[in-house]
Amino acid sequence: MRCPVCGAAETRVIETRSSDEGRVNRRRRECPECQSRFTTYERLEEKTFLWVAKKDGSREAFDRAKLTKGIQRACEKLPVSLERIEEAVAHIEDRLRATGQGEVMASSIGDYASDELKKINKVAYVRFASVYREFTDLSSFTQEITKLLDDKEAHRNARPDHERD
């Protein structure tokens, strides 16, 4: 693996961890030339090609990097680790491939991403939803936040008294 800082051809693996239920190997590496450290991720390349059907009727190949970038943008400046984002993306991709279809609707990807972000961070969820659902005014934000607060209150009230905050 080449060093992203100085371009040296050889780097040394310092630490390897398995993540995403063993589907991804995370490796910390160090360059012997410039001593910089960086992280790489190794995952199995999927053979099943996945197409995305968009709203306008066009089709494009599923792009994991595009999904990751959208989720990262929603989580920007929030306490969400890159590892947690990678786990969410892997879970979304697994759900898409589990359909057994060669083509999925773009709206399904957005729905799955919304589900994951709701679990990770509510602010990130609202950010993502504002773009995905094309919020055009303040009332759209207010309605979505009200739904989140209602869901939280319903969940809190559903727990037995001894488990409440």
C-alpha atoms as a PDB file:
ATOM      1  CA  MET A   1       0.000   0.000   0.000  1.00  0.00           C
ATOM      2  CA  ARG A   2       1.435   3.369  -1.030  1.00  0.00           C
ATOM      3  CA  CYS A   3       1.799   6.132   1.538  1.00  0.00           C
ATOM      4  CA  PRO A   4      -0.765   8.897   0.825  1.00  0.00           C
ATOM      5  CA  VAL A   5       1.646  11.538   2.207  1.00  0.00           C
ATOM      6  CA  CYS A   6       5.017  10.843   0.562  1.00  0.00           C
ATOM      7  CA  GLY A   7       4.105   8.148  -1.994  1.00  0.00           C
ATOM      8  CA  ALA A   8       6.519   5.528  -0.656  1.00  0.00           C
ATOM      9  CA  ALA A   9       5.746   2.122  -2.158  1.00  0.00           C
ATOM     10  CA  GLU A  10       5.900   0.126   1.080  1.00  0.00           C
ATOM     11  CA  THR A  11       4.045   0.716   4.337  1.00  0.00           C
ATOM     12  CA  ARG A  12       3.864  -1.340   7.499  1.00  0.00           C
ATOM     13  CA  VAL A  13       0.667  -2.645   9.139  1.00  0.00           C
ATOM     14  CA  ILE A  14       0.652  -1.627  12.814  1.00  0.00           C
ATOM     15  CA  GLU A  15      -2.754  -2.919  13.833  1.00  0.00           C
ATOM     16  CA  THR A  16      -5.576  -4.897  12.235  1.00  0.00           C
ATOM     17  CA  ARG A  17      -9.147  -4.985  13.497  1.00  0.00           C
ATOM     18  CA  SER A  18     -12.186  -6.699  12.131  1.00  0.00           C
ATOM     19  CA  SER A  19     -15.331  -4.586  11.944  1.00  0.00           C
ATOM     20  CA  ASP A  20     -18.826  -4.754  10.533  1.00  0.00           C
ATOM     21  CA  GLU A  21     -19.338  -8.290  11.836  1.00  0.00           C
ATOM     22  CA  GLY A  22     -16.157  -9.563  10.200  1.00  0.00           C
ATOM     23  CA  ARG A  23     -16.928  -8.227   6.721  1.00  0.00           C
ATOM     24  CA  VAL A  24     -14.335  -5.442   6.860  1.00  0.00           C
ATOM     25  CA  ASN A  25     -10.698  -5.412   7.987  1.00  0.00           C
ATOM     26  CA  ARG A  26      -9.522  -2.054   9.309  1.00  0.00           C
ATOM     27  CA  ARG A  27      -5.745  -1.642   9.177  1.00  0.00           C
ATOM     28  CA  ARG A  28      -3.621   1.092  10.762  1.00  0.00           C
ATOM     29  CA  ARG A  29      -0.487   1.575   8.704  1.00  0.00           C
ATOM     30  CA  GLU A  30       2.747   3.503   9.098  1.00  0.00           C
ATOM     31  CA  CYS A  31       5.135   4.725   6.431  1.00  0.00           C
ATOM     32  CA  PRO A  32       8.788   3.888   7.203  1.00  0.00           C
ATOM     33  CA  GLU A  33       9.908   6.863   5.080  1.00  0.00           C
ATOM     34  CA  CYS A  34       7.923   9.770   6.575  1.00  0.00           C
ATOM     35  CA  GLN A  35       6.443   8.082   9.706  1.00  0.00           C
ATOM     36  CA  SER A  36       2.907   9.208   8.806  1.00  0.00           C
ATOM     37  CA  ARG A  37       0.038   6.957   9.882  1.00  0.00           C
ATOM     38  CA  PHE A  38      -3.190   6.245   8.051  1.00  0.00           C
ATOM     39  CA  THR A  39      -6.088   3.791   7.993  1.00  0.00           C
ATOM     40  CA  THR A  40      -7.173   1.473   5.206  1.00  0.00           C
ATOM     41  CA  TYR A  41     -10.277  -0.689   4.920  1.00  0.00           C
ATOM     42  CA  GLU A  42     -10.358  -4.039   3.175  1.00  0.00           C
ATOM     43  CA  ARG A  43     -13.666  -5.609   2.143  1.00  0.00           C
ATOM     44  CA  LEU A  44     -14.836  -8.353  -0.148  1.00  0.00           C
ATOM     45  CA  GLU A  45     -15.649  -7.103  -3.617  1.00  0.00           C
ATOM     46  CA  GLU A  46     -19.262  -7.905  -4.402  1.00  0.00           C
ATOM     47  CA  LYS A  47     -19.797  -9.709  -7.683  1.00  0.00           C
ATOM     48  CA  THR A  48     -23.485  -8.899  -7.924  1.00  0.00           C
ATOM     49  CA  PHE A  49     -23.864  -5.671  -9.854  1.00  0.00           C
ATOM     50  CA  LEU A  50     -26.529  -3.357  -8.504  1.00  0.00           C
ATOM     51  CA  TRP A  51     -28.372  -0.703 -10.506  1.00  0.00           C
ATOM     52  CA  VAL A  52     -30.156   2.284  -9.021  1.00  0.00           C
ATOM     53  CA  ALA A  53     -33.368   3.530 -10.645  1.00  0.00           C
ATOM     54  CA  LYS A  54     -33.670   7.269 -10.099  1.00  0.00           C
ATOM     55  CA  LYS A  55     -36.774   9.479  -9.904  1.00  0.00           C
ATOM     56  CA  ASP A  56     -36.230  10.886 -13.384  1.00  0.00           C
ATOM     57  CA  GLY A  57     -36.287   7.395 -14.884  1.00  0.00           C
ATOM     58  CA  SER A  58     -32.537   7.151 -15.445  1.00  0.00           C
ATOM     59  CA  ARG A  59     -30.408   4.290 -14.099  1.00  0.00           C
ATOM     60  CA  GLU A  60     -26.894   4.295 -12.709  1.00  0.00           C
ATOM     61  CA  ALA A  61     -24.603   1.798 -11.041  1.00  0.00           C
ATOM     62  CA  PHE A  62     -24.770   1.671  -7.246  1.00  0.00           C
ATOM     63  CA  ASP A  63     -21.921   3.755  -5.862  1.00  0.00           C
ATOM     64  CA  ARG A  64     -20.954   2.918  -2.294  1.00  0.00           C
ATOM     65  CA  ALA A  65     -18.680   5.974  -2.123  1.00  0.00           C
ATOM     66  CA  LYS A  66     -21.593   8.259  -3.027  1.00  0.00           C
ATOM     67  CA  LEU A  67     -23.712   6.789  -0.223  1.00  0.00           C
ATOM     68  CA  THR A  68     -20.826   7.105   2.231  1.00  0.00           C
ATOM     69  CA  LYS A  69     -20.256  10.732   1.237  1.00  0.00           C
ATOM     70  CA  GLY A  70     -23.943  11.586   1.769  1.00  0.00           C
ATOM     71  CA  ILE A  71     -23.973  10.036   5.225  1.00  0.00           C
ATOM     72  CA  GLN A  72     -20.655  11.673   6.122  1.00  0.00           C
ATOM     73  CA  ARG A  73     -22.024  15.040   5.060  1.00  0.00           C
ATOM     74  CA  ALA A  74     -25.071  14.556   7.314  1.00  0.00           C
ATOM     75  CA  CYS A  75     -22.776  13.622  10.236  1.00  0.00           C
ATOM     76  CA  GLU A  76     -20.323  16.470   9.688  1.00  0.00           C
ATOM     77  CA  LYS A  77     -19.221  18.171  12.935  1.00  0.00           C
ATOM     78  CA  LEU A  78     -21.181  15.646  15.003  1.00  0.00           C
ATOM     79  CA  PRO A  79     -19.715  13.007  17.346  1.00  0.00           C
ATOM     80  CA  VAL A  80     -20.071  10.138  14.867  1.00  0.00           C
ATOM     81  CA  SER A  81     -17.028   7.989  14.129  1.00  0.00           C
ATOM     82  CA  LEU A  82     -15.960   7.016  10.636  1.00  0.00           C
ATOM     83  CA  GLU A  83     -16.220   3.396  11.767  1.00  0.00           C
ATOM     84  CA  ARG A  84     -19.903   3.902  12.696  1.00  0.00           C
ATOM     85  CA  ILE A  85     -20.559   5.500   9.302  1.00  0.00           C
ATOM     86  CA  GLU A  86     -18.870   2.568   7.558  1.00  0.00           C
ATOM     87  CA  GLU A  87     -21.020   0.132   9.549  1.00  0.00           C
ATOM     88  CA  ALA A  88     -24.175   2.003   8.525  1.00  0.00           C
ATOM     89  CA  VAL A  89     -23.180   2.006   4.846  1.00  0.00           C
ATOM     90  CA  ALA A  90     -22.381  -1.717   4.991  1.00  0.00           C
ATOM     91  CA  HIS A  91     -25.754  -2.413   6.608  1.00  0.00           C
ATOM     92  CA  ILE A  92     -27.567  -0.398   3.913  1.00  0.00           C
ATOM     93  CA  GLU A  93     -25.673  -2.191   1.140  1.00  0.00           C
ATOM     94  CA  ASP A  94     -26.472  -5.565   2.731  1.00  0.00           C
ATOM     95  CA  ARG A  95     -30.168  -4.661   2.822  1.00  0.00           C
ATOM     96  CA  LEU A  96     -30.083  -3.621  -0.836  1.00  0.00           C
ATOM     97  CA  ARG A  97     -28.356  -6.812  -1.947  1.00  0.00           C
ATOM     98  CA  ALA A  98     -30.648  -8.935   0.236  1.00  0.00           C
ATOM     99  CA  THR A  99     -33.585  -7.910  -1.949  1.00  0.00           C
ATOM    100  CA  GLY A 100     -32.147 -10.217  -4.601  1.00  0.00           C
ATOM    101  CA  GLN A 101     -32.978  -7.619  -7.240  1.00  0.00           C
ATOM    102  CA  GLY A 102     -30.440  -6.313  -9.721  1.00  0.00           C
ATOM    103  CA  GLU A 103     -32.111  -2.923  -9.561  1.00  0.00           C
ATOM    104  CA  VAL A 104     -33.283  -0.877  -6.576  1.00  0.00           C
ATOM    105  CA  MET A 105     -35.149   2.393  -6.362  1.00  0.00           C
ATOM    106  CA  ALA A 106     -33.111   5.413  -5.255  1.00  0.00           C
ATOM    107  CA  SER A 107     -35.892   6.093  -2.759  1.00  0.00           C
ATOM    108  CA  SER A 108     -35.147   2.740  -1.072  1.00  0.00           C
ATOM    109  CA  ILE A 109     -31.548   3.787  -0.549  1.00  0.00           C
ATOM    110  CA  GLY A 110     -32.722   7.082   0.936  1.00  0.00           C
ATOM    111  CA  ASP A 111     -35.178   5.302   3.222  1.00  0.00           C
ATOM    112  CA  TYR A 112     -32.525   2.849   4.430  1.00  0.00           C
ATOM    113  CA  ALA A 113     -30.042   5.682   5.000  1.00  0.00           C
ATOM    114  CA  SER A 114     -32.688   7.602   6.956  1.00  0.00           C
ATOM    115  CA  ASP A 115     -33.344   4.534   9.121  1.00  0.00           C
ATOM    116  CA  GLU A 116     -29.631   4.161   9.886  1.00  0.00           C
ATOM    117  CA  LEU A 117     -29.127   7.865  10.622  1.00  0.00           C
ATOM    118  CA  LYS A 118     -32.124   7.879  12.952  1.00  0.00           C
ATOM    119  CA  LYS A 119     -30.292   5.263  15.038  1.00  0.00           C
ATOM    120  CA  ILE A 120     -26.916   7.030  14.875  1.00  0.00           C
ATOM    121  CA  ASN A 121     -27.733  10.690  15.491  1.00  0.00           C
ATOM    122  CA  LYS A 122     -31.040  12.563  15.284  1.00  0.00           C
ATOM    123  CA  VAL A 123     -29.437  15.802  14.047  1.00  0.00           C
ATOM    124  CA  ALA A 124     -27.693  13.913  11.237  1.00  0.00           C
ATOM    125  CA  TYR A 125     -31.035  12.300  10.412  1.00  0.00           C
ATOM    126  CA  VAL A 126     -32.783  15.682  10.109  1.00  0.00           C
ATOM    127  CA  ARG A 127     -29.936  17.043   7.967  1.00  0.00           C
ATOM    128  CA  PHE A 128     -30.173  14.051   5.637  1.00  0.00           C
ATOM    129  CA  ALA A 129     -33.972  14.139   5.549  1.00  0.00           C
ATOM    130  CA  SER A 130     -33.957  17.848   4.690  1.00  0.00           C
ATOM    131  CA  VAL A 131     -32.053  17.091   1.483  1.00  0.00           C
ATOM    132  CA  TYR A 132     -33.542  13.675   0.710  1.00  0.00           C
ATOM    133  CA  ARG A 133     -37.146  14.757   1.239  1.00  0.00           C
ATOM    134  CA  GLU A 134     -36.467  18.195  -0.236  1.00  0.00           C
ATOM    135  CA  PHE A 135     -37.678  20.311   2.677  1.00  0.00           C
ATOM    136  CA  THR A 136     -38.621  23.682   1.251  1.00  0.00           C
ATOM    137  CA  ASP A 137     -39.683  25.597   4.330  1.00  0.00           C
ATOM    138  CA  LEU A 138     -39.364  25.786   8.088  1.00  0.00           C
ATOM    139  CA  SER A 139     -42.626  23.908   8.705  1.00  0.00           C
ATOM    140  CA  SER A 140     -41.149  20.820   6.995  1.00  0.00           C
ATOM    141  CA  PHE A 141     -38.281  20.847   9.505  1.00  0.00           C
ATOM    142  CA  THR A 142     -40.662  21.443  12.391  1.00  0.00           C
ATOM    143  CA  GLN A 143     -42.915  18.544  11.373  1.00  0.00           C
ATOM    144  CA  GLU A 144     -39.975  16.130  11.138  1.00  0.00           C
ATOM    145  CA  ILE A 145     -38.542  17.218  14.492  1.00  0.00           C
ATOM    146  CA  THR A 146     -41.975  16.917  16.107  1.00  0.00           C
ATOM    147  CA  LYS A 147     -42.260  13.341  14.788  1.00  0.00           C
ATOM    148  CA  LEU A 148     -38.837  12.510  16.264  1.00  0.00           C
ATOM    149  CA  LEU A 149     -39.786  13.983  19.633  1.00  0.00           C
ATOM    150  CA  ASP A 150     -43.128  12.144  19.629  1.00  0.00           C
ATOM    151  CA  ASP A 151     -41.357   8.859  18.791  1.00  0.00           C
ATOM    152  CA  LYS A 152     -38.857   9.444  21.586  1.00  0.00           C
ATOM    153  CA  GLU A 153     -41.619  10.210  24.095  1.00  0.00           C
ATOM    154  CA  ALA A 154     -43.653   7.162  23.014  1.00  0.00           C
ATOM    155  CA  HIS A 155     -40.557   4.953  23.339  1.00  0.00           C
ATOM    156  CA  ARG A 156     -39.770   6.404  26.757  1.00  0.00           C
ATOM    157  CA  ASN A 157     -43.317   5.853  28.007  1.00  0.00           C
ATOM    158  CA  ALA A 158     -43.351   2.280  26.710  1.00  0.00           C
ATOM    159  CA  ARG A 159     -40.523   1.284  29.071  1.00  0.00           C
ATOM    160  CA  PRO A 160     -41.313  -0.009  32.561  1.00  0.00           C
ATOM    161  CA  ASP A 161     -41.056   2.583  35.372  1.00  0.00           C
ATOM    162  CA  HIS A 162     -37.801   1.164  36.738  1.00  0.00           C
ATOM    163  CA  GLU A 163     -36.076   1.678  33.325  1.00  0.00           C
ATOM    164  CA  ARG A 164     -37.126   5.311  32.826  1.00  0.00           C
ATOM    165  CA  ASP A 165     -34.690   8.231  33.131  1.00  0.00           C
END
